[in-house]
PDB file of all heavy atoms in Angstrom:
ATOM      1  N   GLY A   1       0.848  -1.161   0.017  1.00  0.00           N
ATOM      2  CA  GLY A   1      -0.034   0.042   0.047  1.00  0.00           C
ATOM      3  C   GLY A   1       0.912   1.230  -0.008  1.00  0.00           C
ATOM      4  O   GLY A   1       1.868   1.335  -0.727  1.00  0.00           O
ATOM      5  N   SER A   2       0.528   2.135   0.856  1.00  0.00           N
ATOM      6  CA  SER A   2       1.296   3.506   0.833  1.00  0.00           C
ATOM      7  C   SER A   2       2.567   3.325   1.772  1.00  0.00           C
ATOM      8  O   SER A   2       3.324   4.204   1.729  1.00  0.00           O
ATOM      9  CB  SER A   2       0.438   4.546   1.521  1.00  0.00           C
ATOM     10  OG  SER A   2      -0.680   4.881   0.530  1.00  0.00           O
ATOM     11  N   ALA A   3       2.628   2.322   2.596  1.00  0.00           N
ATOM     12  CA  ALA A   3       3.833   2.180   3.530  1.00  0.00           C
ATOM     13  C   ALA A   3       5.126   2.498   2.802  1.00  0.00           C
ATOM     14  O   ALA A   3       5.993   3.277   3.270  1.00  0.00           O
ATOM     15  CB  ALA A   3       3.771   0.940   4.232  1.00  0.00           C
ATOM     16  N   PRO A   4       5.435   1.762   1.675  1.00  0.00           N
ATOM     17  CA  PRO A   4       6.751   1.995   1.146  1.00  0.00           C
ATOM     18  C   PRO A   4       7.078   3.364   0.659  1.00  0.00           C
ATOM     19  O   PRO A   4       8.149   3.942   0.871  1.00  0.00           O
ATOM     20  CB  PRO A   4       6.785   0.978  -0.182  1.00  0.00           C
ATOM     21  CG  PRO A   4       5.809  -0.061   0.230  1.00  0.00           C
ATOM     22  CD  PRO A   4       4.784   0.647   1.030  1.00  0.00           C
ATOM     23  N   ASN A   5       6.032   4.062   0.105  1.00  0.00           N
ATOM     24  CA  ASN A   5       6.133   5.501  -0.331  1.00  0.00           C
ATOM     25  C   ASN A   5       6.296   6.379   0.849  1.00  0.00           C
ATOM     26  O   ASN A   5       7.085   7.299   0.823  1.00  0.00           O
ATOM     27  CB  ASN A   5       4.902   5.874  -1.106  1.00  0.00           C
ATOM     28  CG  ASN A   5       5.013   7.241  -1.714  1.00  0.00           C
ATOM     29  OD1 ASN A   5       5.983   7.548  -2.488  1.00  0.00           O
ATOM     30  ND2 ASN A   5       4.131   8.137  -1.538  1.00  0.00           N
ATOM     31  N   ILE A   6       5.586   6.109   1.955  1.00  0.00           N
ATOM     32  CA  ILE A   6       5.669   6.927   3.083  1.00  0.00           C
ATOM     33  C   ILE A   6       7.038   6.783   3.748  1.00  0.00           C
ATOM     34  O   ILE A   6       7.735   7.818   4.081  1.00  0.00           O
ATOM     35  CB  ILE A   6       4.638   6.493   4.137  1.00  0.00           C
ATOM     36  CG1 ILE A   6       3.209   6.830   3.695  1.00  0.00           C
ATOM     37  CG2 ILE A   6       4.895   7.239   5.564  1.00  0.00           C
ATOM     38  CD1 ILE A   6       2.150   6.269   4.495  1.00  0.00           C
ATOM     39  N   ALA A   7       7.552   5.586   3.918  1.00  0.00           N
ATOM     40  CA  ALA A   7       8.858   5.343   4.400  1.00  0.00           C
ATOM     41  C   ALA A   7      10.000   5.828   3.611  1.00  0.00           C
ATOM     42  O   ALA A   7      10.998   6.228   4.174  1.00  0.00           O
ATOM     43  CB  ALA A   7       8.932   3.786   4.711  1.00  0.00           C
ATOM     44  N   ALA A   8       9.781   5.923   2.350  1.00  0.00           N
ATOM     45  CA  ALA A   8      10.892   6.346   1.499  1.00  0.00           C
ATOM     46  C   ALA A   8      11.329   7.776   1.835  1.00  0.00           C
ATOM     47  O   ALA A   8      12.584   8.079   1.858  1.00  0.00           O
ATOM     48  CB  ALA A   8      10.396   6.246   0.031  1.00  0.00           C
ATOM     49  N   SER A   9      10.402   8.572   2.141  1.00  0.00           N
ATOM     50  CA  SER A   9      10.851   9.984   2.494  1.00  0.00           C
ATOM     51  C   SER A   9      11.544  10.076   3.887  1.00  0.00           C
ATOM     52  O   SER A   9      12.472  10.842   4.057  1.00  0.00           O
ATOM     53  CB  SER A   9       9.574  10.913   2.580  1.00  0.00           C
ATOM     54  OG  SER A   9       8.706  10.397   3.617  1.00  0.00           O
ATOM     55  N   TRP A  10      11.150   9.132   4.743  1.00  0.00           N
ATOM     56  CA  TRP A  10      11.822   9.157   6.091  1.00  0.00           C
ATOM     57  C   TRP A  10      13.340   8.667   5.932  1.00  0.00           C
ATOM     58  O   TRP A  10      14.205   9.186   6.386  1.00  0.00           O
ATOM     59  CB  TRP A  10      11.204   8.176   7.103  1.00  0.00           C
ATOM     60  CG  TRP A  10       9.715   8.369   7.324  1.00  0.00           C
ATOM     61  CD1 TRP A  10       8.950   9.500   7.239  1.00  0.00           C
ATOM     62  CD2 TRP A  10       8.786   7.373   7.699  1.00  0.00           C
ATOM     63  NE1 TRP A  10       7.731   9.353   7.482  1.00  0.00           N
ATOM     64  CE2 TRP A  10       7.511   8.028   7.795  1.00  0.00           C
ATOM     65  CE3 TRP A  10       8.889   6.045   7.959  1.00  0.00           C
ATOM     66  CZ2 TRP A  10       6.468   7.274   8.278  1.00  0.00           C
ATOM     67  CZ3 TRP A  10       7.744   5.264   8.366  1.00  0.00           C
ATOM     68  CH2 TRP A  10       6.555   5.913   8.430  1.00  0.00           C
ATOM     69  N   ILE A  11      13.414   7.643   5.065  1.00  0.00           N
ATOM     70  CA  ILE A  11      14.729   6.974   4.880  1.00  0.00           C
ATOM     71  C   ILE A  11      15.653   7.892   4.246  1.00  0.00           C
ATOM     72  O   ILE A  11      16.857   8.102   4.613  1.00  0.00           O
ATOM     73  CB  ILE A  11      14.599   5.606   4.055  1.00  0.00           C
ATOM     74  CG1 ILE A  11      13.825   4.561   4.975  1.00  0.00           C
ATOM     75  CG2 ILE A  11      15.981   5.164   3.638  1.00  0.00           C
ATOM     76  CD1 ILE A  11      13.454   3.346   4.159  1.00  0.00           C
ATOM     77  N   ASP A  12      15.153   8.696   3.182  1.00  0.00           N
ATOM     78  CA  ASP A  12      15.955   9.580   2.520  1.00  0.00           C
ATOM     79  C   ASP A  12      16.460  10.687   3.459  1.00  0.00           C
ATOM     80  O   ASP A  12      17.660  11.047   3.409  1.00  0.00           O
ATOM     81  CB  ASP A  12      15.059  10.280   1.370  1.00  0.00           C
ATOM     82  CG  ASP A  12      15.818  11.422   0.606  1.00  0.00           C
ATOM     83  OD1 ASP A  12      16.897  11.026   0.150  1.00  0.00           O
ATOM     84  OD2 ASP A  12      15.254  12.511   0.465  1.00  0.00           O
ATOM     85  N   SER A  13      15.597  11.389   4.226  1.00  0.00           N
ATOM     86  CA  SER A  13      16.108  12.378   5.110  1.00  0.00           C
ATOM     87  C   SER A  13      16.897  11.900   6.290  1.00  0.00           C
ATOM     88  O   SER A  13      17.859  12.578   6.771  1.00  0.00           O
ATOM     89  CB  SER A  13      14.796  13.148   5.695  1.00  0.00           C
ATOM     90  OG  SER A  13      13.972  12.285   6.365  1.00  0.00           O
ATOM     91  N   PHE A  14      16.621  10.620   6.763  1.00  0.00           N
ATOM     92  CA  PHE A  14      17.458  10.027   7.868  1.00  0.00           C
ATOM     93  C   PHE A  14      18.895   9.743   7.417  1.00  0.00           C
ATOM     94  O   PHE A  14      19.850  10.026   8.137  1.00  0.00           O
ATOM     95  CB  PHE A  14      16.771   8.695   8.291  1.00  0.00           C
ATOM     96  CG  PHE A  14      17.395   8.229   9.499  1.00  0.00           C
ATOM     97  CD1 PHE A  14      17.149   8.702  10.753  1.00  0.00           C
ATOM     98  CD2 PHE A  14      18.291   7.065   9.502  1.00  0.00           C
ATOM     99  CE1 PHE A  14      17.714   8.113  11.894  1.00  0.00           C
ATOM    100  CE2 PHE A  14      18.841   6.471  10.630  1.00  0.00           C
ATOM    101  CZ  PHE A  14      18.675   7.147  11.817  1.00  0.00           C
ATOM    102  N   LEU A  15      19.067   9.247   6.110  1.00  0.00           N
ATOM    103  CA  LEU A  15      20.322   8.970   5.667  1.00  0.00           C
ATOM    104  C   LEU A  15      21.282  10.214   5.413  1.00  0.00           C
ATOM    105  O   LEU A  15      22.468  10.086   5.466  1.00  0.00           O
ATOM    106  CB  LEU A  15      20.335   8.153   4.392  1.00  0.00           C
ATOM    107  CG  LEU A  15      19.812   6.682   4.554  1.00  0.00           C
ATOM    108  CD1 LEU A  15      19.576   6.079   3.131  1.00  0.00           C
ATOM    109  CD2 LEU A  15      20.811   5.831   5.331  1.00  0.00           C
ATOM    110  N   LYS A  16      20.578  11.350   5.228  1.00  0.00           N
ATOM    111  CA  LYS A  16      21.355  12.584   5.067  1.00  0.00           C
ATOM    112  C   LYS A  16      21.930  12.982   6.380  1.00  0.00           C
ATOM    113  O   LYS A  16      22.914  13.752   6.486  1.00  0.00           O
ATOM    114  CB  LYS A  16      20.344  13.590   4.491  1.00  0.00           C
ATOM    115  CG  LYS A  16      20.040  13.381   3.089  1.00  0.00           C
ATOM    116  CD  LYS A  16      18.999  14.521   2.608  1.00  0.00           C
ATOM    117  CE  LYS A  16      18.671  14.241   1.152  1.00  0.00           C
ATOM    118  NZ  LYS A  16      17.646  15.161   0.642  1.00  0.00           N
ATOM    119  N   GLN A  17      21.241  12.586   7.486  1.00  0.00           N
ATOM    120  CA  GLN A  17      21.597  12.963   8.881  1.00  0.00           C
ATOM    121  C   GLN A  17      22.571  11.838   9.385  1.00  0.00           C
ATOM    122  O   GLN A  17      23.570  12.175  10.105  1.00  0.00           O
ATOM    123  CB  GLN A  17      20.489  13.049   9.773  1.00  0.00           C
ATOM    124  CG  GLN A  17      20.809  13.603  11.146  1.00  0.00           C
ATOM    125  CD  GLN A  17      19.441  13.953  11.945  1.00  0.00           C
ATOM    126  OE1 GLN A  17      18.345  13.814  11.410  1.00  0.00           O
ATOM    127  NE2 GLN A  17      19.653  14.246  13.129  1.00  0.00           N
ATOM    128  N   TYR A  18      22.398  10.570   9.083  1.00  0.00           N
ATOM    129  CA  TYR A  18      23.152   9.514   9.602  1.00  0.00           C
ATOM    130  C   TYR A  18      23.671   8.696   8.323  1.00  0.00           C
ATOM    131  O   TYR A  18      23.076   7.664   7.887  1.00  0.00           O
ATOM    132  CB  TYR A  18      22.335   8.588  10.473  1.00  0.00           C
ATOM    133  CG  TYR A  18      21.796   9.248  11.762  1.00  0.00           C
ATOM    134  CD1 TYR A  18      20.582   9.830  11.808  1.00  0.00           C
ATOM    135  CD2 TYR A  18      22.592   9.207  12.879  1.00  0.00           C
ATOM    136  CE1 TYR A  18      20.050  10.438  12.962  1.00  0.00           C
ATOM    137  CE2 TYR A  18      22.141   9.818  14.026  1.00  0.00           C
ATOM    138  CZ  TYR A  18      20.876  10.455  14.085  1.00  0.00           C
ATOM    139  OH  TYR A  18      20.395  11.021  15.227  1.00  0.00           O
ATOM    140  N   ASP A  19      24.692   9.153   7.751  1.00  0.00           N
ATOM    141  CA  ASP A  19      25.159   8.640   6.591  1.00  0.00           C
ATOM    142  C   ASP A  19      25.881   7.213   6.665  1.00  0.00           C
ATOM    143  O   ASP A  19      26.208   6.568   5.630  1.00  0.00           O
ATOM    144  CB  ASP A  19      26.266   9.523   5.755  1.00  0.00           C
ATOM    145  CG  ASP A  19      27.365   9.930   6.649  1.00  0.00           C
ATOM    146  OD1 ASP A  19      27.441   9.486   7.834  1.00  0.00           O
ATOM    147  OD2 ASP A  19      28.247  10.650   6.247  1.00  0.00           O
ATOM    148  N   LYS A  20      26.064   6.839   7.889  1.00  0.00           N
ATOM    149  CA  LYS A  20      26.694   5.343   8.194  1.00  0.00           C
ATOM    150  C   LYS A  20      25.694   4.393   8.368  1.00  0.00           C
ATOM    151  O   LYS A  20      25.984   3.273   8.623  1.00  0.00           O
ATOM    152  CB  LYS A  20      27.768   5.506   9.377  1.00  0.00           C
ATOM    153  CG  LYS A  20      28.913   6.351   9.044  1.00  0.00           C
ATOM    154  CD  LYS A  20      29.909   6.319  10.296  1.00  0.00           C
ATOM    155  CE  LYS A  20      31.074   7.210   9.972  1.00  0.00           C
ATOM    156  NZ  LYS A  20      32.067   7.125  11.178  1.00  0.00           N
ATOM    157  N   ALA A  21      24.410   4.892   8.364  1.00  0.00           N
ATOM    158  CA  ALA A  21      23.275   3.866   8.673  1.00  0.00           C
ATOM    159  C   ALA A  21      22.981   3.070   7.362  1.00  0.00           C
ATOM    160  O   ALA A  21      23.298   3.509   6.218  1.00  0.00           O
ATOM    161  CB  ALA A  21      22.033   4.677   9.042  1.00  0.00           C
ATOM    162  N   GLU A  22      22.443   1.879   7.633  1.00  0.00           N
ATOM    163  CA  GLU A  22      22.110   1.011   6.453  1.00  0.00           C
ATOM    164  C   GLU A  22      20.664   0.325   6.813  1.00  0.00           C
ATOM    165  O   GLU A  22      20.419   0.114   7.897  1.00  0.00           O
ATOM    166  CB  GLU A  22      23.079  -0.181   6.426  1.00  0.00           C
ATOM    167  CG  GLU A  22      22.856  -1.162   5.256  1.00  0.00           C
ATOM    168  CD  GLU A  22      23.849  -2.332   5.293  1.00  0.00           C
ATOM    169  OE1 GLU A  22      24.900  -2.194   5.847  1.00  0.00           O
ATOM    170  OE2 GLU A  22      23.465  -3.354   4.773  1.00  0.00           O
ATOM    171  N   PHE A  23      19.854   0.221   5.803  1.00  0.00           N
ATOM    172  CA  PHE A  23      18.513  -0.248   5.875  1.00  0.00           C
ATOM    173  C   PHE A  23      18.286  -1.661   5.420  1.00  0.00           C
ATOM    174  O   PHE A  23      18.834  -1.922   4.234  1.00  0.00           O
ATOM    175  CB  PHE A  23      17.453   0.686   5.320  1.00  0.00           C
ATOM    176  CG  PHE A  23      17.186   1.939   6.179  1.00  0.00           C
ATOM    177  CD1 PHE A  23      18.053   3.075   6.045  1.00  0.00           C
ATOM    178  CD2 PHE A  23      16.109   1.933   6.946  1.00  0.00           C
ATOM    179  CE1 PHE A  23      17.851   4.097   6.815  1.00  0.00           C
ATOM    180  CE2 PHE A  23      15.859   3.059   7.795  1.00  0.00           C
ATOM    181  CZ  PHE A  23      16.718   4.228   7.703  1.00  0.00           C
ATOM    182  N   SER A  24      17.606  -2.560   6.070  1.00  0.00           N
ATOM    183  CA  SER A  24      17.171  -3.821   5.512  1.00  0.00           C
ATOM    184  C   SER A  24      15.589  -3.717   5.557  1.00  0.00           C
ATOM    185  O   SER A  24      15.056  -3.713   6.571  1.00  0.00           O
ATOM    186  CB  SER A  24      17.747  -4.900   6.419  1.00  0.00           C
ATOM    187  OG  SER A  24      17.133  -6.194   5.929  1.00  0.00           O
ATOM    188  N   ILE A  25      14.955  -3.809   4.356  1.00  0.00           N
ATOM    189  CA  ILE A  25      13.559  -3.720   4.216  1.00  0.00           C
ATOM    190  C   ILE A  25      12.926  -5.120   3.923  1.00  0.00           C
ATOM    191  O   ILE A  25      13.378  -5.707   2.884  1.00  0.00           O
ATOM    192  CB  ILE A  25      13.174  -2.659   3.277  1.00  0.00           C
ATOM    193  CG1 ILE A  25      13.646  -1.264   3.678  1.00  0.00           C
ATOM    194  CG2 ILE A  25      11.683  -2.595   3.032  1.00  0.00           C
ATOM    195  CD1 ILE A  25      13.534  -0.150   2.743  1.00  0.00           C
ATOM    196  N   ILE A  26      11.957  -5.375   4.683  1.00  0.00           N
ATOM    197  CA  ILE A  26      11.205  -6.635   4.342  1.00  0.00           C
ATOM    198  C   ILE A  26       9.656  -6.253   4.105  1.00  0.00           C
ATOM    199  O   ILE A  26       9.068  -5.537   4.881  1.00  0.00           O
ATOM    200  CB  ILE A  26      11.335  -7.691   5.548  1.00  0.00           C
ATOM    201  CG1 ILE A  26      12.749  -8.063   5.686  1.00  0.00           C
ATOM    202  CG2 ILE A  26      10.352  -8.877   5.410  1.00  0.00           C
ATOM    203  CD1 ILE A  26      12.947  -9.033   6.812  1.00  0.00           C
ATOM    204  N   ASP A  27       9.088  -6.866   3.102  1.00  0.00           N
ATOM    205  CA  ASP A  27       7.716  -6.762   2.792  1.00  0.00           C
ATOM    206  C   ASP A  27       6.841  -7.851   3.374  1.00  0.00           C
ATOM    207  O   ASP A  27       7.303  -8.924   3.618  1.00  0.00           O
ATOM    208  CB  ASP A  27       7.548  -6.645   1.244  1.00  0.00           C
ATOM    209  CG  ASP A  27       8.235  -5.463   0.601  1.00  0.00           C
ATOM    210  OD1 ASP A  27       8.278  -4.425   1.269  1.00  0.00           O
ATOM    211  OD2 ASP A  27       8.706  -5.651  -0.459  1.00  0.00           O
ATOM    212  N   GLY A  28       5.537  -7.586   3.455  1.00  0.00           N
ATOM    213  CA  GLY A  28       4.610  -8.588   4.036  1.00  0.00           C
ATOM    214  C   GLY A  28       3.375  -7.896   4.325  1.00  0.00           C
ATOM    215  O   GLY A  28       3.203  -6.703   4.431  1.00  0.00           O
ATOM    216  N   ASN A  29       2.369  -8.844   4.738  1.00  0.00           N
ATOM    217  CA  ASN A  29       1.148  -8.283   5.238  1.00  0.00           C
ATOM    218  C   ASN A  29       1.231  -7.897   6.701  1.00  0.00           C
ATOM    219  O   ASN A  29       2.299  -8.285   7.261  1.00  0.00           O
ATOM    220  CB  ASN A  29      -0.087  -9.118   4.953  1.00  0.00           C
ATOM    221  CG  ASN A  29       0.012 -10.449   5.686  1.00  0.00           C
ATOM    222  OD1 ASN A  29       0.349 -10.573   6.852  1.00  0.00           O
ATOM    223  ND2 ASN A  29      -0.146 -11.574   4.955  1.00  0.00           N
ATOM    224  N   SER A  30       0.345  -7.209   7.325  1.00  0.00           N
ATOM    225  CA  SER A  30       0.494  -6.747   8.746  1.00  0.00           C
ATOM    226  C   SER A  30       0.771  -7.974   9.690  1.00  0.00           C
ATOM    227  O   SER A  30       1.637  -7.807  10.560  1.00  0.00           O
ATOM    228  CB  SER A  30      -0.700  -6.041   9.114  1.00  0.00           C
ATOM    229  OG  SER A  30      -0.841  -4.817   8.400  1.00  0.00           O
ATOM    230  N   ASP A  31      -0.003  -9.003   9.546  1.00  0.00           N
ATOM    231  CA  ASP A  31       0.189 -10.184  10.508  1.00  0.00           C
ATOM    232  C   ASP A  31       1.466 -10.768  10.319  1.00  0.00           C
ATOM    233  O   ASP A  31       2.108 -11.154  11.311  1.00  0.00           O
ATOM    234  CB  ASP A  31      -0.964 -11.213  10.173  1.00  0.00           C
ATOM    235  CG  ASP A  31      -2.247 -10.691  10.734  1.00  0.00           C
ATOM    236  OD1 ASP A  31      -2.359  -9.802  11.597  1.00  0.00           O
ATOM    237  OD2 ASP A  31      -3.290 -11.169  10.148  1.00  0.00           O
ATOM    238  N   GLU A  32       2.000 -10.892   9.041  1.00  0.00           N
ATOM    239  CA  GLU A  32       3.295 -11.468   8.748  1.00  0.00           C
ATOM    240  C   GLU A  32       4.450 -10.589   9.517  1.00  0.00           C
ATOM    241  O   GLU A  32       5.336 -11.037  10.040  1.00  0.00           O
ATOM    242  CB  GLU A  32       3.553 -11.550   7.372  1.00  0.00           C
ATOM    243  CG  GLU A  32       2.723 -12.750   6.634  1.00  0.00           C
ATOM    244  CD  GLU A  32       2.877 -12.661   5.109  1.00  0.00           C
ATOM    245  OE1 GLU A  32       3.287 -11.590   4.655  1.00  0.00           O
ATOM    246  OE2 GLU A  32       2.553 -13.729   4.495  1.00  0.00           O
ATOM    247  N   LEU A  33       4.344  -9.243   9.261  1.00  0.00           N
ATOM    248  CA  LEU A  33       5.216  -8.404   9.867  1.00  0.00           C
ATOM    249  C   LEU A  33       5.263  -8.407  11.426  1.00  0.00           C
ATOM    250  O   LEU A  33       6.407  -8.248  12.036  1.00  0.00           O
ATOM    251  CB  LEU A  33       5.003  -6.963   9.384  1.00  0.00           C
ATOM    252  CG  LEU A  33       5.218  -6.763   7.860  1.00  0.00           C
ATOM    253  CD1 LEU A  33       4.868  -5.312   7.508  1.00  0.00           C
ATOM    254  CD2 LEU A  33       6.639  -7.148   7.517  1.00  0.00           C
TER     255      LEU A  33
END
């Protein structure tokens, strides 16, 4: 749904502040997550 698009803006701005951070993203439905 909208979650990946919403999270993309957070990740973009966060990496500008913490350039040594790394993300691991997993998809799934709510119950799976």
